[in-house]
Amino acid sequence: MTKKQYLKRMKYLKASFDIIQMKLTRATNEYLTHCDNDKMEHDVINDIDFHYINNLCCELALTGAWIQDRLEGKYPKSKGSTTKKIRKALGYSHP
């Protein structure tokens, strides 16, 4: 794939992702607006029912870090890689 083809494809995927990101944000805001704030657990992300949402958040962060690392010529386990930093921030103990 040439650089021009890659940039064209990434531009298309970015537009697609923007739509998905808007839907994710809207759904989260709707949930927070309609739930009872007095009864809402503030630690909702650790709730077993929300486990797949936590996985989605981690996957989004790690995918972005992986892309950045590869474009910089690094591998996820390389010293100073963005992937290592994100994994540490997410609480993963293994590279």
PDB file of N, CA and C in Angstrom:
ATOM      1  N   MET A   1       0.853  -1.175   0.000  1.00  0.00           N
ATOM      2  CA  MET A   1       0.000   0.000   0.000  1.00  0.00           C
ATOM      3  C   MET A   1       0.897   1.235   0.000  1.00  0.00           C
ATOM      4  N   THR A   2       0.569   2.172  -0.827  1.00  0.00           N
ATOM      5  CA  THR A   2       1.350   3.403  -0.890  1.00  0.00           C
ATOM      6  C   THR A   2       0.911   4.354   0.232  1.00  0.00           C
ATOM      7  N   LYS A   3       1.722   5.366   0.458  1.00  0.00           N
ATOM      8  CA  LYS A   3       1.402   6.363   1.478  1.00  0.00           C
ATOM      9  C   LYS A   3       0.082   7.060   1.149  1.00  0.00           C
ATOM     10  N   LYS A   4      -0.108   7.379  -0.121  1.00  0.00           N
ATOM     11  CA  LYS A   4      -1.333   8.062  -0.548  1.00  0.00           C
ATOM     12  C   LYS A   4      -2.560   7.186  -0.291  1.00  0.00           C
ATOM     13  N   GLN A   5      -2.465   5.893  -0.618  1.00  0.00           N
ATOM     14  CA  GLN A   5      -3.568   4.962  -0.378  1.00  0.00           C
ATOM     15  C   GLN A   5      -3.842   4.825   1.112  1.00  0.00           C
ATOM     16  N   TYR A   6      -2.775   4.738   1.901  1.00  0.00           N
ATOM     17  CA  TYR A   6      -2.923   4.610   3.356  1.00  0.00           C
ATOM     18  C   TYR A   6      -3.634   5.828   3.932  1.00  0.00           C
ATOM     19  N   LEU A   7      -3.181   7.012   3.542  1.00  0.00           N
ATOM     20  CA  LEU A   7      -3.793   8.241   4.064  1.00  0.00           C
ATOM     21  C   LEU A   7      -5.253   8.349   3.647  1.00  0.00           C
ATOM     22  N   LYS A   8      -5.558   7.941   2.411  1.00  0.00           N
ATOM     23  CA  LYS A   8      -6.946   7.978   1.940  1.00  0.00           C
ATOM     24  C   LYS A   8      -7.811   7.023   2.762  1.00  0.00           C
ATOM     25  N   ARG A   9      -7.296   5.821   2.996  1.00  0.00           N
ATOM     26  CA  ARG A   9      -8.054   4.831   3.772  1.00  0.00           C
ATOM     27  C   ARG A   9      -8.236   5.289   5.217  1.00  0.00           C
ATOM     28  N   MET A  10      -7.189   5.841   5.815  1.00  0.00           N
ATOM     29  CA  MET A  10      -7.289   6.309   7.203  1.00  0.00           C
ATOM     30  C   MET A  10      -8.266   7.478   7.316  1.00  0.00           C
ATOM     31  N   LYS A  11      -8.307   8.333   6.301  1.00  0.00           N
ATOM     32  CA  LYS A  11      -9.267   9.451   6.304  1.00  0.00           C
ATOM     33  C   LYS A  11     -10.691   8.907   6.283  1.00  0.00           C
ATOM     34  N   TYR A  12     -10.934   7.884   5.466  1.00  0.00           N
ATOM     35  CA  TYR A  12     -12.251   7.251   5.407  1.00  0.00           C
ATOM     36  C   TYR A  12     -12.605   6.596   6.744  1.00  0.00           C
ATOM     37  N   LEU A  13     -11.650   5.860   7.311  1.00  0.00           N
ATOM     38  CA  LEU A  13     -11.894   5.184   8.599  1.00  0.00           C
ATOM     39  C   LEU A  13     -12.104   6.188   9.718  1.00  0.00           C
ATOM     40  N   LYS A  14     -11.402   7.313   9.670  1.00  0.00           N
ATOM     41  CA  LYS A  14     -11.578   8.356  10.686  1.00  0.00           C
ATOM     42  C   LYS A  14     -12.995   8.910  10.631  1.00  0.00           C
ATOM     43  N   ALA A  15     -13.513   9.122   9.438  1.00  0.00           N
ATOM     44  CA  ALA A  15     -14.883   9.616   9.293  1.00  0.00           C
ATOM     45  C   ALA A  15     -15.879   8.594   9.838  1.00  0.00           C
ATOM     46  N   SER A  16     -15.629   7.321   9.555  1.00  0.00           N
ATOM     47  CA  SER A  16     -16.497   6.258  10.087  1.00  0.00           C
ATOM     48  C   SER A  16     -16.417   6.210  11.605  1.00  0.00           C
ATOM     49  N   PHE A  17     -15.201   6.349  12.132  1.00  0.00           N
ATOM     50  CA  PHE A  17     -15.020   6.308  13.578  1.00  0.00           C
ATOM     51  C   PHE A  17     -15.690   7.495  14.252  1.00  0.00           C
ATOM     52  N   ASP A  18     -15.642   8.662  13.614  1.00  0.00           N
ATOM     53  CA  ASP A  18     -16.291   9.846  14.193  1.00  0.00           C
ATOM     54  C   ASP A  18     -17.780   9.591  14.435  1.00  0.00           C
ATOM     55  N   ILE A  19     -18.423   8.892  13.501  1.00  0.00           N
ATOM     56  CA  ILE A  19     -19.846   8.569  13.651  1.00  0.00           C
ATOM     57  C   ILE A  19     -20.056   7.618  14.822  1.00  0.00           C
ATOM     58  N   ILE A  20     -19.230   6.602  14.905  1.00  0.00           N
ATOM     59  CA  ILE A  20     -19.329   5.636  16.013  1.00  0.00           C
ATOM     60  C   ILE A  20     -19.036   6.318  17.341  1.00  0.00           C
ATOM     61  N   GLN A  21     -18.001   7.162  17.367  1.00  0.00           N
ATOM     62  CA  GLN A  21     -17.646   7.868  18.604  1.00  0.00           C
ATOM     63  C   GLN A  21     -18.806   8.745  19.077  1.00  0.00           C
ATOM     64  N   MET A  22     -19.469   9.413  18.144  1.00  0.00           N
ATOM     65  CA  MET A  22     -20.613  10.258  18.498  1.00  0.00           C
ATOM     66  C   MET A  22     -21.737   9.404  19.098  1.00  0.00           C
ATOM     67  N   LYS A  23     -21.981   8.226  18.510  1.00  0.00           N
ATOM     68  CA  LYS A  23     -23.024   7.341  19.024  1.00  0.00           C
ATOM     69  C   LYS A  23     -22.668   6.818  20.413  1.00  0.00           C
ATOM     70  N   LEU A  24     -21.413   6.471  20.632  1.00  0.00           N
ATOM     71  CA  LEU A  24     -20.973   5.998  21.956  1.00  0.00           C
ATOM     72  C   LEU A  24     -21.145   7.091  23.008  1.00  0.00           C
ATOM     73  N   THR A  25     -20.733   8.302  22.644  1.00  0.00           N
ATOM     74  CA  THR A  25     -20.839   9.428  23.575  1.00  0.00           C
ATOM     75  C   THR A  25     -22.291   9.746  23.883  1.00  0.00           C
ATOM     76  N   ARG A  26     -23.120   9.762  22.851  1.00  0.00           N
ATOM     77  CA  ARG A  26     -24.541  10.066  23.028  1.00  0.00           C
ATOM     78  C   ARG A  26     -25.217   9.020  23.916  1.00  0.00           C
ATOM     79  N   ALA A  27     -24.926   7.743  23.683  1.00  0.00           N
ATOM     80  CA  ALA A  27     -25.528   6.669  24.482  1.00  0.00           C
ATOM     81  C   ALA A  27     -25.104   6.775  25.945  1.00  0.00           C
ATOM     82  N   THR A  28     -23.836   7.074  26.175  1.00  0.00           N
ATOM     83  CA  THR A  28     -23.348   7.217  27.553  1.00  0.00           C
ATOM     84  C   THR A  28     -24.013   8.399  28.237  1.00  0.00           C
ATOM     85  N   ASN A  29     -24.102   9.521  27.529  1.00  0.00           N
ATOM     86  CA  ASN A  29     -24.744  10.705  28.119  1.00  0.00           C
ATOM     87  C   ASN A  29     -26.223  10.470  28.385  1.00  0.00           C
ATOM     88  N   GLU A  30     -26.911   9.747  27.490  1.00  0.00           N
ATOM     89  CA  GLU A  30     -28.319   9.418  27.725  1.00  0.00           C
ATOM     90  C   GLU A  30     -28.480   8.560  28.971  1.00  0.00           C
ATOM     91  N   TYR A  31     -27.622   7.567  29.106  1.00  0.00           N
ATOM     92  CA  TYR A  31     -27.680   6.699  30.282  1.00  0.00           C
ATOM     93  C   TYR A  31     -27.473   7.514  31.553  1.00  0.00           C
ATOM     94  N   LEU A  32     -26.465   8.374  31.548  1.00  0.00           N
ATOM     95  CA  LEU A  32     -26.175   9.168  32.748  1.00  0.00           C
ATOM     96  C   LEU A  32     -27.277  10.175  33.045  1.00  0.00           C
ATOM     97  N   THR A  33     -27.926  10.686  32.010  1.00  0.00           N
ATOM     98  CA  THR A  33     -29.017  11.637  32.199  1.00  0.00           C
ATOM     99  C   THR A  33     -30.255  10.973  32.786  1.00  0.00           C
ATOM    100  N   HIS A  34     -30.554   9.757  32.368  1.00  0.00           N
ATOM    101  CA  HIS A  34     -31.781   9.090  32.776  1.00  0.00           C
ATOM    102  C   HIS A  34     -31.667   8.224  34.020  1.00  0.00           C
ATOM    103  N   CYS A  35     -30.454   7.971  34.487  1.00  0.00           N
ATOM    104  CA  CYS A  35     -30.349   7.151  35.694  1.00  0.00           C
ATOM    105  C   CYS A  35     -30.486   8.042  36.930  1.00  0.00           C
ATOM    106  N   ASP A  36     -30.876   7.447  38.005  1.00  0.00           N
ATOM    107  CA  ASP A  36     -31.062   8.174  39.257  1.00  0.00           C
ATOM    108  C   ASP A  36     -29.692   8.433  39.881  1.00  0.00           C
ATOM    109  N   ASN A  37     -29.278   9.698  39.873  1.00  0.00           N
ATOM    110  CA  ASN A  37     -27.949  10.043  40.376  1.00  0.00           C
ATOM    111  C   ASN A  37     -27.757   9.706  41.852  1.00  0.00           C
ATOM    112  N   ASP A  38     -28.848   9.759  42.632  1.00  0.00           N
ATOM    113  CA  ASP A  38     -28.716   9.447  44.057  1.00  0.00           C
ATOM    114  C   ASP A  38     -28.426   7.965  44.270  1.00  0.00           C
ATOM    115  N   LYS A  39     -28.972   7.123  43.405  1.00  0.00           N
ATOM    116  CA  LYS A  39     -28.784   5.685  43.557  1.00  0.00           C
ATOM    117  C   LYS A  39     -27.658   5.141  42.669  1.00  0.00           C
ATOM    118  N   MET A  40     -27.136   5.961  41.767  1.00  0.00           N
ATOM    119  CA  MET A  40     -26.099   5.494  40.850  1.00  0.00           C
ATOM    120  C   MET A  40     -24.794   5.252  41.584  1.00  0.00           C
ATOM    121  N   GLU A  41     -24.210   4.114  41.319  1.00  0.00           N
ATOM    122  CA  GLU A  41     -22.906   3.841  41.901  1.00  0.00           C
ATOM    123  C   GLU A  41     -21.875   4.592  41.083  1.00  0.00           C
ATOM    124  N   HIS A  42     -21.018   5.334  41.776  1.00  0.00           N
ATOM    125  CA  HIS A  42     -20.012   6.116  41.074  1.00  0.00           C
ATOM    126  C   HIS A  42     -18.901   5.232  40.516  1.00  0.00           C
ATOM    127  N   ASP A  43     -18.801   4.029  41.006  1.00  0.00           N
ATOM    128  CA  ASP A  43     -17.785   3.104  40.525  1.00  0.00           C
ATOM    129  C   ASP A  43     -18.407   2.137  39.514  1.00  0.00           C
ATOM    130  N   VAL A  44     -19.252   2.661  38.635  1.00  0.00           N
ATOM    131  CA  VAL A  44     -20.029   1.835  37.721  1.00  0.00           C
ATOM    132  C   VAL A  44     -19.146   1.062  36.750  1.00  0.00           C
ATOM    133  N   ILE A  45     -17.974   1.569  36.413  1.00  0.00           N
ATOM    134  CA  ILE A  45     -17.116   0.905  35.438  1.00  0.00           C
ATOM    135  C   ILE A  45     -16.610  -0.435  35.961  1.00  0.00           C
ATOM    136  N   ASN A  46     -16.592  -0.637  37.271  1.00  0.00           N
ATOM    137  CA  ASN A  46     -16.152  -1.912  37.829  1.00  0.00           C
ATOM    138  C   ASN A  46     -17.299  -2.897  38.015  1.00  0.00           C
ATOM    139  N   ASP A  47     -18.510  -2.466  37.733  1.00  0.00           N
ATOM    140  CA  ASP A  47     -19.682  -3.334  37.820  1.00  0.00           C
ATOM    141  C   ASP A  47     -19.559  -4.428  36.773  1.00  0.00           C
ATOM    142  N   ILE A  48     -19.870  -5.657  37.137  1.00  0.00           N
ATOM    143  CA  ILE A  48     -19.729  -6.788  36.221  1.00  0.00           C
ATOM    144  C   ILE A  48     -20.562  -6.600  34.961  1.00  0.00           C
ATOM    145  N   ASP A  49     -21.698  -5.943  35.053  1.00  0.00           N
ATOM    146  CA  ASP A  49     -22.544  -5.697  33.885  1.00  0.00           C
ATOM    147  C   ASP A  49     -21.881  -4.738  32.894  1.00  0.00           C
ATOM    148  N   PHE A  50     -20.945  -3.939  33.355  1.00  0.00           N
ATOM    149  CA  PHE A  50     -20.276  -2.955  32.512  1.00  0.00           C
ATOM    150  C   PHE A  50     -18.899  -3.423  32.057  1.00  0.00           C
ATOM    151  N   HIS A  51     -18.601  -4.708  32.258  1.00  0.00           N
ATOM    152  CA  HIS A  51     -17.283  -5.237  31.913  1.00  0.00           C
ATOM    153  C   HIS A  51     -16.964  -5.061  30.428  1.00  0.00           C
ATOM    154  N   TYR A  52     -17.920  -5.303  29.564  1.00  0.00           N
ATOM    155  CA  TYR A  52     -17.668  -5.171  28.119  1.00  0.00           C
ATOM    156  C   TYR A  52     -17.417  -3.728  27.724  1.00  0.00           C
ATOM    157  N   ILE A  53     -17.984  -2.776  28.451  1.00  0.00           N
ATOM    158  CA  ILE A  53     -17.727  -1.362  28.175  1.00  0.00           C
ATOM    159  C   ILE A  53     -16.292  -1.028  28.551  1.00  0.00           C
ATOM    160  N   ASN A  54     -15.838  -1.561  29.688  1.00  0.00           N
ATOM    161  CA  ASN A  54     -14.457  -1.365  30.097  1.00  0.00           C
ATOM    162  C   ASN A  54     -13.511  -1.943  29.048  1.00  0.00           C
ATOM    163  N   ASN A  55     -13.842  -3.136  28.524  1.00  0.00           N
ATOM    164  CA  ASN A  55     -13.011  -3.747  27.486  1.00  0.00           C
ATOM    165  C   ASN A  55     -12.964  -2.874  26.238  1.00  0.00           C
ATOM    166  N   LEU A  56     -14.098  -2.323  25.852  1.00  0.00           N
ATOM    167  CA  LEU A  56     -14.154  -1.453  24.682  1.00  0.00           C
ATOM    168  C   LEU A  56     -13.240  -0.245  24.863  1.00  0.00           C
ATOM    169  N   CYS A  57     -13.303   0.375  26.027  1.00  0.00           N
ATOM    170  CA  CYS A  57     -12.472   1.546  26.311  1.00  0.00           C
ATOM    171  C   CYS A  57     -10.983   1.197  26.225  1.00  0.00           C
ATOM    172  N   CYS A  58     -10.611   0.063  26.801  1.00  0.00           N
ATOM    173  CA  CYS A  58      -9.210  -0.383  26.761  1.00  0.00           C
ATOM    174  C   CYS A  58      -8.773  -0.662  25.326  1.00  0.00           C
ATOM    175  N   GLU A  59      -9.619  -1.333  24.549  1.00  0.00           N
ATOM    176  CA  GLU A  59      -9.282  -1.659  23.168  1.00  0.00           C
ATOM    177  C   GLU A  59      -9.101  -0.406  22.316  1.00  0.00           C
ATOM    178  N   LEU A  60      -9.941   0.593  22.530  1.00  0.00           N
ATOM    179  CA  LEU A  60      -9.813   1.838  21.778  1.00  0.00           C
ATOM    180  C   LEU A  60      -8.479   2.528  22.091  1.00  0.00           C
ATOM    181  N   ALA A  61      -8.149   2.602  23.370  1.00  0.00           N
ATOM    182  CA  ALA A  61      -6.901   3.248  23.778  1.00  0.00           C
ATOM    183  C   ALA A  61      -5.680   2.496  23.249  1.00  0.00           C
ATOM    184  N   LEU A  62      -5.704   1.175  23.375  1.00  0.00           N
ATOM    185  CA  LEU A  62      -4.566   0.371  22.931  1.00  0.00           C
ATOM    186  C   LEU A  62      -4.401   0.373  21.418  1.00  0.00           C
ATOM    187  N   THR A  63      -5.500   0.401  20.688  1.00  0.00           N
ATOM    188  CA  THR A  63      -5.413   0.441  19.226  1.00  0.00           C
ATOM    189  C   THR A  63      -4.773   1.740  18.754  1.00  0.00           C
ATOM    190  N   GLY A  64      -5.184   2.838  19.350  1.00  0.00           N
ATOM    191  CA  GLY A  64      -4.577   4.126  19.008  1.00  0.00           C
ATOM    192  C   GLY A  64      -3.095   4.165  19.331  1.00  0.00           C
ATOM    193  N   ALA A  65      -2.717   3.617  20.474  1.00  0.00           N
ATOM    194  CA  ALA A  65      -1.307   3.573  20.863  1.00  0.00           C
ATOM    195  C   ALA A  65      -0.508   2.690  19.911  1.00  0.00           C
ATOM    196  N   TRP A  66      -1.081   1.547  19.525  1.00  0.00           N
ATOM    197  CA  TRP A  66      -0.390   0.631  18.615  1.00  0.00           C
ATOM    198  C   TRP A  66      -0.138   1.295  17.269  1.00  0.00           C
ATOM    199  N   ILE A  67      -1.147   1.985  16.729  1.00  0.00           N
ATOM    200  CA  ILE A  67      -0.991   2.671  15.448  1.00  0.00           C
ATOM    201  C   ILE A  67       0.121   3.710  15.540  1.00  0.00           C
ATOM    202  N   GLN A  68       0.103   4.490  16.608  1.00  0.00           N
ATOM    203  CA  GLN A  68       1.123   5.522  16.778  1.00  0.00           C
ATOM    204  C   GLN A  68       2.515   4.905  16.870  1.00  0.00           C
ATOM    205  N   ASP A  69       2.654   3.835  17.638  1.00  0.00           N
ATOM    206  CA  ASP A  69       3.952   3.165  17.760  1.00  0.00           C
ATOM    207  C   ASP A  69       4.452   2.672  16.408  1.00  0.00           C
ATOM    208  N   ARG A  70       3.593   2.003  15.665  1.00  0.00           N
ATOM    209  CA  ARG A  70       4.004   1.426  14.373  1.00  0.00           C
ATOM    210  C   ARG A  70       4.396   2.516  13.385  1.00  0.00           C
ATOM    211  N   LEU A  71       3.682   3.654  13.398  1.00  0.00           N
ATOM    212  CA  LEU A  71       4.041   4.753  12.501  1.00  0.00           C
ATOM    213  C   LEU A  71       5.361   5.400  12.902  1.00  0.00           C
ATOM    214  N   GLU A  72       5.732   5.273  14.165  1.00  0.00           N
ATOM    215  CA  GLU A  72       7.010   5.807  14.648  1.00  0.00           C
ATOM    216  C   GLU A  72       8.128   4.771  14.557  1.00  0.00           C
ATOM    217  N   GLY A  73       7.815   3.600  13.989  1.00  0.00           N
ATOM    218  CA  GLY A  73       8.826   2.563  13.831  1.00  0.00           C
ATOM    219  C   GLY A  73       9.122   1.776  15.092  1.00  0.00           C
ATOM    220  N   LYS A  74       8.229   1.843  16.060  1.00  0.00           N
ATOM    221  CA  LYS A  74       8.415   1.126  17.318  1.00  0.00           C
ATOM    222  C   LYS A  74       7.486  -0.081  17.365  1.00  0.00           C
ATOM    223  N   TYR A  75       7.822  -0.989  18.226  1.00  0.00           N
ATOM    224  CA  TYR A  75       6.950  -2.126  18.506  1.00  0.00           C
ATOM    225  C   TYR A  75       6.339  -1.912  19.886  1.00  0.00           C
ATOM    226  N   PRO A  76       5.179  -2.511  20.154  1.00  0.00           N
ATOM    227  CA  PRO A  76       4.518  -2.294  21.441  1.00  0.00           C
ATOM    228  C   PRO A  76       5.404  -2.567  22.663  1.00  0.00           C
ATOM    229  N   LYS A  77       6.360  -3.481  22.537  1.00  0.00           N
ATOM    230  CA  LYS A  77       7.229  -3.784  23.685  1.00  0.00           C
ATOM    231  C   LYS A  77       8.516  -2.965  23.688  1.00  0.00           C
ATOM    232  N   SER A  78       8.684  -2.064  22.714  1.00  0.00           N
ATOM    233  CA  SER A  78       9.881  -1.238  22.638  1.00  0.00           C
ATOM    234  C   SER A  78       9.943  -0.253  23.803  1.00  0.00           C
ATOM    235  N   LYS A  79      11.165   0.095  24.174  1.00  0.00           N
ATOM    236  CA  LYS A  79      11.346   1.080  25.231  1.00  0.00           C
ATOM    237  C   LYS A  79      10.728   2.413  24.803  1.00  0.00           C
ATOM    238  N   GLY A  80       9.924   2.997  25.672  1.00  0.00           N
ATOM    239  CA  GLY A  80       9.300   4.288  25.404  1.00  0.00           C
ATOM    240  C   GLY A  80       8.098   4.238  24.474  1.00  0.00           C
ATOM    241  N   SER A  81       7.604   3.038  24.181  1.00  0.00           N
ATOM    242  CA  SER A  81       6.456   2.950  23.266  1.00  0.00           C
ATOM    243  C   SER A  81       5.193   3.493  23.935  1.00  0.00           C
ATOM    244  N   THR A  82       4.332   4.059  23.135  1.00  0.00           N
ATOM    245  CA  THR A  82       3.069   4.584  23.635  1.00  0.00           C
ATOM    246  C   THR A  82       2.196   3.451  24.168  1.00  0.00           C
ATOM    247  N   THR A  83       2.264   2.280  23.536  1.00  0.00           N
ATOM    248  CA  THR A  83       1.484   1.135  23.989  1.00  0.00           C
ATOM    249  C   THR A  83       1.846   0.755  25.419  1.00  0.00           C
ATOM    250  N   LYS A  84       3.136   0.738  25.731  1.00  0.00           N
ATOM    251  CA  LYS A  84       3.562   0.407  27.102  1.00  0.00           C
ATOM    252  C   LYS A  84       3.005   1.430  28.096  1.00  0.00           C
ATOM    253  N   LYS A  85       3.046   2.694  27.712  1.00  0.00           N
ATOM    254  CA  LYS A  85       2.554   3.758  28.595  1.00  0.00           C
ATOM    255  C   LYS A  85       1.047   3.622  28.832  1.00  0.00           C
ATOM    256  N   ILE A  86       0.306   3.337  27.756  1.00  0.00           N
ATOM    257  CA  ILE A  86      -1.146   3.193  27.882  1.00  0.00           C
ATOM    258  C   ILE A  86      -1.485   1.965  28.718  1.00  0.00           C
ATOM    259  N   ARG A  87      -0.784   0.851  28.482  1.00  0.00           N
ATOM    260  CA  ARG A  87      -1.023  -0.358  29.259  1.00  0.00           C
ATOM    261  C   ARG A  87      -0.788  -0.101  30.748  1.00  0.00           C
ATOM    262  N   LYS A  88       0.258   0.659  31.048  1.00  0.00           N
ATOM    263  CA  LYS A  88       0.543   0.983  32.451  1.00  0.00           C
ATOM    264  C   LYS A  88      -0.574   1.854  33.027  1.00  0.00           C
ATOM    265  N   ALA A  89      -1.028   2.832  32.252  1.00  0.00           N
ATOM    266  CA  ALA A  89      -2.106   3.713  32.712  1.00  0.00           C
ATOM    267  C   ALA A  89      -3.402   2.944  32.941  1.00  0.00           C
ATOM    268  N   LEU A  90      -3.630   1.894  32.117  1.00  0.00           N
ATOM    269  CA  LEU A  90      -4.844   1.088  32.252  1.00  0.00           C
ATOM    270  C   LEU A  90      -4.747   0.047  33.366  1.00  0.00           C
ATOM    271  N   GLY A  91      -3.557  -0.092  33.929  1.00  0.00           N
ATOM    272  CA  GLY A  91      -3.385  -1.013  35.058  1.00  0.00           C
ATOM    273  C   GLY A  91      -2.925  -2.390  34.687  1.00  0.00           C
ATOM    274  N   TYR A  92      -2.486  -2.583  33.455  1.00  0.00           N
ATOM    275  CA  TYR A  92      -1.950  -3.883  33.064  1.00  0.00           C
ATOM    276  C   TYR A  92      -0.556  -4.026  33.650  1.00  0.00           C
ATOM    277  N   SER A  93      -0.232  -5.213  34.135  1.00  0.00           N
ATOM    278  CA  SER A  93       1.077  -5.411  34.761  1.00  0.00           C
ATOM    279  C   SER A  93       2.080  -6.072  33.835  1.00  0.00           C
ATOM    280  N   HIS A  94       1.624  -6.626  32.713  1.00  0.00           N
ATOM    281  CA  HIS A  94       2.532  -7.286  31.781  1.00  0.00           C
ATOM    282  C   HIS A  94       2.531  -6.522  30.459  1.00  0.00           C
ATOM    283  N   PRO A  95       3.708  -6.437  29.818  1.00  0.00           N
ATOM    284  CA  PRO A  95       3.768  -5.721  28.527  1.00  0.00           C
ATOM    285  C   PRO A  95       3.019  -6.434  27.427  1.00  0.00           C
TER     286      PRO A  95
END
